[in-house]
Amino acid sequence: MPLSFVETMRGWMRDERGLDFPISFELAALRVERGRFAVRGLIAAPPLTPEAPGRGTLDIGVGSIAYHLEFPSSAGQRLYLDATKHPSLLAPLRSMTHMTATITEDSGRAIASGTMTFQLADLPSFAASWLPGIRSARLALDGRRRQLERLVLTGPEAR
């Protein structure tokens, strides 16, 4: 059985006009090779999107954990969230629970930046999601993501 887990991160971004907005993601990660995970889940970043399906990669390397996610805006524009943690033995808790993040457009132009954090209250469900055979968190997330993807494909009038 491939290694997998579910992770939730939340934070605040500031757009190019100086306006702050919340951001969160809940991702299911599935290892595809050593140090690399394919991720799929849900991203919320109002006013860019209230909630959208996202996908991408999570790369665990020496000195960094990097997320690269693609998701659609409410207007249908492709956006990218890039975020990085820098694990440190000098500050293990903070370095594993805080990361800087940037949202860019297809052109590569940054439209927002900020920080995201892992809430310690999420630690029990995060830890349980690593255990083989406990797939309920991933299955629930996949179901919500598929439902949202159908809504995006069919449009809000199909409700």
Protein backbone atom coordinates (compact mmCIF):
# COMPACT_ATOMS: atom_id res chain seq x y z
CA MET A 1 0.00 0.00 0.00
CA PRO A 2 1.53 3.37 -1.01
CA LEU A 3 2.28 5.92 1.70
CA SER A 4 -0.44 8.57 1.97
CA PHE A 5 -1.82 11.20 4.35
CA VAL A 6 -4.29 14.11 4.55
CA GLU A 7 -3.12 17.59 5.59
CA THR A 8 -4.94 20.85 6.28
CA MET A 9 -3.23 24.26 6.30
CA ARG A 10 -4.79 27.71 6.84
CA GLY A 11 -3.52 31.25 6.65
CA TRP A 12 -3.77 34.75 5.29
CA MET A 13 -2.66 36.23 2.00
CA ARG A 14 -2.22 39.85 0.93
CA ASP A 15 -3.02 40.78 -2.66
CA GLU A 16 -1.27 43.37 -4.79
CA ARG A 17 -3.70 46.09 -3.59
CA GLY A 18 -2.76 45.38 0.03
CA LEU A 19 -6.03 43.62 0.90
CA ASP A 20 -5.87 40.59 3.19
CA PHE A 21 -7.93 37.45 2.63
CA PRO A 22 -8.04 33.96 4.16
CA ILE A 23 -6.70 30.86 2.46
CA SER A 24 -6.93 27.19 3.32
CA PHE A 25 -6.36 23.83 1.74
CA GLU A 26 -7.11 20.25 2.61
CA LEU A 27 -5.03 17.84 0.57
CA ALA A 28 -4.70 14.09 0.23
CA ALA A 29 -1.08 13.21 -0.58
CA LEU A 30 -0.05 9.92 -2.20
CA ARG A 31 3.62 9.05 -2.57
CA VAL A 32 4.60 8.49 -6.21
CA GLU A 33 8.35 8.19 -5.64
CA ARG A 34 10.86 8.87 -2.92
CA GLY A 35 10.32 12.41 -1.64
CA ARG A 36 7.52 13.21 -4.11
CA PHE A 37 3.78 13.06 -3.49
CA ALA A 38 0.88 13.70 -5.85
CA VAL A 39 -1.72 15.85 -4.05
CA ARG A 40 -5.42 16.47 -4.69
CA GLY A 41 -7.92 18.28 -2.58
CA LEU A 42 -9.78 21.50 -1.97
CA ILE A 43 -8.49 25.08 -1.83
CA ALA A 44 -10.45 28.07 -0.55
CA ALA A 45 -9.12 31.58 -1.13
CA PRO A 46 -11.99 34.08 -1.23
CA PRO A 47 -12.23 36.42 -3.15
CA LEU A 48 -10.28 34.38 -5.74
CA THR A 49 -12.44 31.29 -5.20
CA PRO A 50 -14.77 30.30 -2.38
CA GLU A 51 -13.65 26.67 -2.77
CA ALA A 52 -12.11 24.86 -5.72
CA PRO A 53 -10.59 21.48 -6.52
CA GLY A 54 -6.81 21.62 -6.57
CA ARG A 55 -4.03 19.29 -7.58
CA GLY A 56 -0.28 19.30 -7.74
CA THR A 57 2.81 18.00 -6.00
CA LEU A 58 4.46 17.97 -2.61
CA ASP A 59 8.23 17.54 -2.66
CA ILE A 60 10.13 16.65 0.50
CA GLY A 61 13.83 17.40 0.15
CA VAL A 62 16.79 18.21 2.33
CA GLY A 63 15.94 21.47 4.05
CA SER A 64 12.53 22.09 2.47
CA ILE A 65 9.01 20.80 1.94
CA ALA A 66 7.55 22.42 -1.18
CA TYR A 67 3.93 22.49 -2.32
CA HIS A 68 2.96 23.36 -5.90
CA LEU A 69 -0.81 23.40 -6.45
CA GLU A 70 -2.99 24.37 -9.39
CA PHE A 71 -6.58 25.49 -8.93
CA PRO A 72 -9.20 27.49 -10.86
CA SER A 73 -10.41 30.92 -9.79
CA SER A 74 -14.14 31.65 -9.69
CA ALA A 75 -13.69 33.28 -13.11
CA GLY A 76 -12.11 30.10 -14.53
CA GLN A 77 -8.54 31.45 -14.58
CA ARG A 78 -5.79 28.97 -13.69
CA LEU A 79 -3.96 29.94 -10.50
CA TYR A 80 -0.99 28.39 -8.71
CA LEU A 81 -0.17 28.20 -5.03
CA ASP A 82 3.50 27.69 -4.20
CA ALA A 83 4.41 27.27 -0.55
CA THR A 84 7.50 26.11 1.29
CA LYS A 85 8.33 24.90 4.79
CA HIS A 86 11.94 24.91 5.95
CA PRO A 87 12.31 22.26 8.68
CA SER A 88 14.87 23.13 11.32
CA LEU A 89 16.17 21.25 14.33
CA LEU A 90 16.52 24.62 16.10
CA ALA A 91 12.78 25.34 15.78
CA PRO A 92 11.09 22.03 14.88
CA LEU A 93 7.52 22.94 15.83
CA ARG A 94 7.45 26.35 14.14
CA SER A 95 9.38 25.23 11.06
CA MET A 96 7.01 22.31 10.45
CA THR A 97 3.80 24.25 11.10
CA HIS A 98 4.48 27.56 9.28
CA MET A 99 5.21 28.23 5.63
CA THR A 100 5.38 31.12 3.22
CA ALA A 101 3.01 31.01 0.24
CA THR A 102 2.53 32.81 -3.07
CA ILE A 103 -0.34 32.71 -5.56
CA THR A 104 0.55 33.33 -9.20
CA GLU A 105 -1.32 33.57 -12.48
CA ASP A 106 -0.60 31.49 -15.58
CA SER A 107 1.85 34.19 -16.71
CA GLY A 108 3.88 33.73 -13.52
CA ARG A 109 2.86 37.11 -12.11
CA ALA A 110 2.43 36.97 -8.33
CA ILE A 111 -1.00 38.22 -7.25
CA ALA A 112 -0.84 37.44 -3.51
CA SER A 113 1.56 36.27 -0.83
CA GLY A 114 1.38 35.37 2.83
CA THR A 115 1.80 32.61 5.36
CA MET A 116 -0.05 29.41 6.14
CA THR A 117 -0.01 27.33 9.32
CA PHE A 118 -0.81 23.83 10.44
CA GLN A 119 -3.09 23.95 13.48
CA LEU A 120 -2.02 21.65 16.32
CA ALA A 121 -5.71 20.80 16.84
CA ASP A 122 -5.49 19.00 13.46
CA LEU A 123 -2.59 16.83 14.64
CA PRO A 124 -4.65 13.76 15.74
CA SER A 125 -6.49 13.46 12.41
CA PHE A 126 -3.26 14.20 10.47
CA ALA A 127 -1.36 11.51 12.38
CA ALA A 128 -4.20 8.99 11.95
CA SER A 129 -4.27 9.63 8.19
CA TRP A 130 -0.72 8.16 7.91
CA LEU A 131 -1.82 4.81 9.33
CA PRO A 132 -2.38 2.01 6.81
CA GLY A 133 -6.02 1.03 6.54
CA ILE A 134 -7.41 4.30 7.91
CA ARG A 135 -8.65 5.97 4.76
CA SER A 136 -11.80 7.72 5.99
CA ALA A 137 -10.29 11.24 5.87
CA ARG A 138 -8.97 10.73 2.33
CA LEU A 139 -12.23 9.16 1.11
CA ALA A 140 -14.32 11.99 2.58
CA LEU A 141 -12.03 14.61 1.00
CA ASP A 142 -12.09 12.82 -2.37
CA GLY A 143 -15.91 12.74 -2.28
CA ARG A 144 -16.17 16.48 -1.54
CA ARG A 145 -13.55 17.26 -4.23
CA ARG A 146 -15.35 15.16 -6.88
CA GLN A 147 -18.68 16.81 -6.02
CA LEU A 148 -17.10 20.26 -6.43
CA GLU A 149 -15.39 19.24 -9.70
CA ARG A 150 -18.78 18.16 -11.10
CA LEU A 151 -20.26 21.49 -10.07
CA VAL A 152 -17.41 23.36 -11.79
CA LEU A 153 -17.91 21.30 -14.97
CA THR A 154 -21.70 21.59 -15.09
CA GLY A 155 -22.02 25.13 -13.75
CA PRO A 156 -24.02 26.49 -10.84
CA GLU A 157 -27.30 26.27 -12.77
CA ALA A 158 -27.12 22.45 -12.54
CA ARG A 159 -27.71 22.52 -8.74
